Amino acid sequence: MTLAALVGLVALAFAALSLVRLSRLPKAPLPPPEERTWGTLRAGDVVLTPDGDWLVESRAGVDGADVFALRSGRSRRWLLVRPDGKVALADDPPGSTEPEALKGQLLDRASVELLAGA
C-alpha cells in the first residue's frame, strides 16, 4: 500500500512539473490584421469617410463598378467605386455608374479608409 502511494506521489510530481513547464511557454503571436482593399471589402467591414464611420452591409457590381450598401445607425448610404478611381457616397441606390449623376458627394479616394470587421 505504501508503494502505491509513493508511486502516485511521484506521478503527481511529474504532472506538476510538466504543467509548470507548459505554463512558461510563450504564447503564439496573433496573426497580423487582414489588409482591406476595394477588392477584398465585404459585409461586416468598416468604411471610414469624412462623413463618419459606416458598416458594410452588402456588395454588388453595376457596369464594372462596385457598389457597397453602408449603414451607420439608422442612416443608409451607397458607396460607388469605379475602376478609374472615382468614389461617390450616394444618398439613394445608384442606377448609374456615373458619380456625377448621383445624389450625394464625390469623395477623394485618399480620404476613405477601409478596416476589417470584427
C-alpha atoms as a PDB file:
ATOM      1  CA  MET A   1       0.000   0.000   0.000  1.00  0.00           C
ATOM      2  CA  THR A   2       2.823   2.413   0.783  1.00  0.00           C
ATOM      3  CA  LEU A   3       4.489   1.561  -2.504  1.00  0.00           C
ATOM      4  CA  ALA A   4       1.303   2.500  -4.419  1.00  0.00           C
ATOM      5  CA  ALA A   5       1.066   5.799  -2.528  1.00  0.00           C
ATOM      6  CA  LEU A   6       4.743   6.543  -3.266  1.00  0.00           C
ATOM      7  CA  VAL A   7       4.288   5.827  -6.984  1.00  0.00           C
ATOM      8  CA  GLY A   8       1.187   8.059  -7.013  1.00  0.00           C
ATOM      9  CA  LEU A   9       3.102  10.931  -5.398  1.00  0.00           C
ATOM     10  CA  VAL A  10       5.928  10.619  -7.930  1.00  0.00           C
ATOM     11  CA  ALA A  11       3.384  10.671 -10.793  1.00  0.00           C
ATOM     12  CA  LEU A  12       1.744  13.799  -9.344  1.00  0.00           C
ATOM     13  CA  ALA A  13       5.146  15.460  -9.025  1.00  0.00           C
ATOM     14  CA  PHE A  14       5.915  14.759 -12.698  1.00  0.00           C
ATOM     15  CA  ALA A  15       2.491  16.083 -13.718  1.00  0.00           C
ATOM     16  CA  ALA A  16       3.032  19.277 -11.703  1.00  0.00           C
ATOM     17  CA  LEU A  17       6.478  19.736 -13.227  1.00  0.00           C
ATOM     18  CA  SER A  18       5.033  19.316 -16.723  1.00  0.00           C
ATOM     19  CA  LEU A  19       2.315  21.897 -16.031  1.00  0.00           C
ATOM     20  CA  VAL A  20       4.874  24.405 -14.768  1.00  0.00           C
ATOM     21  CA  ARG A  21       6.987  23.937 -17.897  1.00  0.00           C
ATOM     22  CA  LEU A  22       3.959  24.315 -20.175  1.00  0.00           C
ATOM     23  CA  SER A  23       2.826  27.483 -18.444  1.00  0.00           C
ATOM     24  CA  ARG A  24       6.179  29.111 -19.182  1.00  0.00           C
ATOM     25  CA  LEU A  25       5.945  28.595 -22.946  1.00  0.00           C
ATOM     26  CA  PRO A  26       5.482  31.850 -24.875  1.00  0.00           C
ATOM     27  CA  LYS A  27       2.044  32.465 -26.292  1.00  0.00           C
ATOM     28  CA  ALA A  28       1.655  32.215 -30.030  1.00  0.00           C
ATOM     29  CA  PRO A  29       1.654  35.648 -31.692  1.00  0.00           C
ATOM     30  CA  LEU A  30      -1.610  36.907 -33.097  1.00  0.00           C
ATOM     31  CA  PRO A  31      -1.885  36.873 -36.867  1.00  0.00           C
ATOM     32  CA  PRO A  32      -1.499  40.299 -38.470  1.00  0.00           C
ATOM     33  CA  PRO A  33      -4.789  42.030 -39.252  1.00  0.00           C
ATOM     34  CA  GLU A  34      -6.009  41.385 -42.768  1.00  0.00           C
ATOM     35  CA  GLU A  35      -5.452  44.362 -45.065  1.00  0.00           C
ATOM     36  CA  ARG A  36      -8.590  45.646 -46.765  1.00  0.00           C
ATOM     37  CA  THR A  37      -8.739  46.905 -50.345  1.00  0.00           C
ATOM     38  CA  TRP A  38     -11.677  47.718 -52.582  1.00  0.00           C
ATOM     39  CA  GLY A  39     -11.407  44.198 -53.990  1.00  0.00           C
ATOM     40  CA  THR A  40     -11.477  42.464 -50.582  1.00  0.00           C
ATOM     41  CA  LEU A  41     -14.050  44.682 -48.850  1.00  0.00           C
ATOM     42  CA  ARG A  42     -17.036  42.592 -47.729  1.00  0.00           C
ATOM     43  CA  ALA A  43     -20.068  42.648 -45.453  1.00  0.00           C
ATOM     44  CA  GLY A  44     -19.141  43.340 -41.840  1.00  0.00           C
ATOM     45  CA  ASP A  45     -16.138  45.536 -42.658  1.00  0.00           C
ATOM     46  CA  VAL A  46     -15.937  49.228 -41.763  1.00  0.00           C
ATOM     47  CA  VAL A  47     -15.505  52.206 -44.100  1.00  0.00           C
ATOM     48  CA  LEU A  48     -14.273  55.481 -42.593  1.00  0.00           C
ATOM     49  CA  THR A  49     -15.261  58.570 -44.575  1.00  0.00           C
ATOM     50  CA  PRO A  50     -15.149  62.291 -43.751  1.00  0.00           C
ATOM     51  CA  ASP A  51     -18.905  61.958 -43.004  1.00  0.00           C
ATOM     52  CA  GLY A  52     -18.419  59.223 -40.403  1.00  0.00           C
ATOM     53  CA  ASP A  53     -17.989  55.500 -39.881  1.00  0.00           C
ATOM     54  CA  TRP A  54     -20.068  53.087 -41.947  1.00  0.00           C
ATOM     55  CA  LEU A  55     -20.640  49.345 -41.677  1.00  0.00           C
ATOM     56  CA  VAL A  56     -20.667  47.478 -44.987  1.00  0.00           C
ATOM     57  CA  GLU A  57     -23.938  45.571 -45.378  1.00  0.00           C
ATOM     58  CA  SER A  58     -23.557  44.205 -48.896  1.00  0.00           C
ATOM     59  CA  ARG A  59     -21.622  44.462 -52.112  1.00  0.00           C
ATOM     60  CA  ALA A  60     -22.864  44.479 -55.701  1.00  0.00           C
ATOM     61  CA  GLY A  61     -21.480  45.236 -59.122  1.00  0.00           C
ATOM     62  CA  VAL A  62     -23.028  47.686 -61.594  1.00  0.00           C
ATOM     63  CA  ASP A  63     -21.447  48.015 -65.058  1.00  0.00           C
ATOM     64  CA  GLY A  64     -17.915  47.234 -63.834  1.00  0.00           C
ATOM     65  CA  ALA A  65     -18.150  49.442 -60.734  1.00  0.00           C
ATOM     66  CA  ASP A  66     -18.504  48.230 -57.151  1.00  0.00           C
ATOM     67  CA  VAL A  67     -21.490  49.393 -55.112  1.00  0.00           C
ATOM     68  CA  PHE A  68     -21.406  48.928 -51.337  1.00  0.00           C
ATOM     69  CA  ALA A  69     -24.510  49.329 -49.179  1.00  0.00           C
ATOM     70  CA  LEU A  70     -23.445  51.099 -45.977  1.00  0.00           C
ATOM     71  CA  ARG A  71     -25.230  51.651 -42.674  1.00  0.00           C
ATOM     72  CA  SER A  72     -24.481  53.834 -39.665  1.00  0.00           C
ATOM     73  CA  GLY A  73     -27.212  53.605 -37.060  1.00  0.00           C
ATOM     74  CA  ARG A  74     -30.423  54.324 -38.967  1.00  0.00           C
ATOM     75  CA  SER A  75     -28.674  56.171 -41.789  1.00  0.00           C
ATOM     76  CA  ARG A  76     -28.063  54.310 -45.009  1.00  0.00           C
ATOM     77  CA  ARG A  77     -25.761  55.261 -47.887  1.00  0.00           C
ATOM     78  CA  TRP A  78     -24.313  53.651 -51.000  1.00  0.00           C
ATOM     79  CA  LEU A  79     -20.645  53.855 -51.891  1.00  0.00           C
ATOM     80  CA  LEU A  80     -19.894  53.716 -55.622  1.00  0.00           C
ATOM     81  CA  VAL A  81     -16.301  52.833 -56.533  1.00  0.00           C
ATOM     82  CA  ARG A  82     -15.380  52.980 -60.200  1.00  0.00           C
ATOM     83  CA  PRO A  83     -12.292  51.296 -61.677  1.00  0.00           C
ATOM     84  CA  ASP A  84     -10.969  54.681 -62.860  1.00  0.00           C
ATOM     85  CA  GLY A  85     -10.639  55.801 -59.224  1.00  0.00           C
ATOM     86  CA  LYS A  86     -13.763  57.891 -58.692  1.00  0.00           C
ATOM     87  CA  VAL A  87     -15.570  57.311 -55.399  1.00  0.00           C
ATOM     88  CA  ALA A  88     -19.007  58.669 -54.523  1.00  0.00           C
ATOM     89  CA  LEU A  89     -21.133  58.427 -51.402  1.00  0.00           C
ATOM     90  CA  ALA A  90     -24.769  58.417 -52.549  1.00  0.00           C
ATOM     91  CA  ASP A  91     -27.955  59.012 -50.576  1.00  0.00           C
ATOM     92  CA  ASP A  92     -30.000  56.726 -52.873  1.00  0.00           C
ATOM     93  CA  PRO A  93     -29.137  53.412 -54.546  1.00  0.00           C
ATOM     94  CA  PRO A  94     -27.211  54.191 -57.725  1.00  0.00           C
ATOM     95  CA  GLY A  95     -28.886  53.388 -61.016  1.00  0.00           C
ATOM     96  CA  SER A  96     -25.880  54.603 -62.983  1.00  0.00           C
ATOM     97  CA  THR A  97     -22.123  54.281 -62.585  1.00  0.00           C
ATOM     98  CA  GLU A  98     -21.565  57.988 -63.188  1.00  0.00           C
ATOM     99  CA  PRO A  99     -20.664  59.561 -59.820  1.00  0.00           C
ATOM    100  CA  GLU A 100     -21.714  62.987 -61.083  1.00  0.00           C
ATOM    101  CA  ALA A 101     -25.275  61.698 -61.695  1.00  0.00           C
ATOM    102  CA  LEU A 102     -25.707  60.568 -58.083  1.00  0.00           C
ATOM    103  CA  LYS A 103     -27.422  62.498 -55.345  1.00  0.00           C
ATOM    104  CA  GLY A 104     -24.586  62.629 -52.849  1.00  0.00           C
ATOM    105  CA  GLN A 105     -20.972  63.703 -52.820  1.00  0.00           C
ATOM    106  CA  LEU A 106     -17.757  62.819 -54.586  1.00  0.00           C
ATOM    107  CA  LEU A 107     -15.011  61.681 -52.227  1.00  0.00           C
ATOM    108  CA  ASP A 108     -11.282  61.800 -52.584  1.00  0.00           C
ATOM    109  CA  ARG A 109     -10.093  58.184 -52.591  1.00  0.00           C
ATOM    110  CA  ALA A 110      -7.353  59.049 -50.109  1.00  0.00           C
ATOM    111  CA  SER A 111      -9.920  60.322 -47.593  1.00  0.00           C
ATOM    112  CA  VAL A 112     -11.619  56.913 -47.339  1.00  0.00           C
ATOM    113  CA  GLU A 113     -10.131  54.274 -45.031  1.00  0.00           C
ATOM    114  CA  LEU A 114     -11.065  50.586 -45.082  1.00  0.00           C
ATOM    115  CA  LEU A 115     -10.924  48.413 -41.951  1.00  0.00           C
ATOM    116  CA  ALA A 116     -11.510  44.712 -41.442  1.00  0.00           C
ATOM    117  CA  GLY A 117     -14.624  43.852 -39.456  1.00  0.00           C
ATOM    118  CA  ALA A 118     -14.690  42.040 -36.159  1.00  0.00           C
END
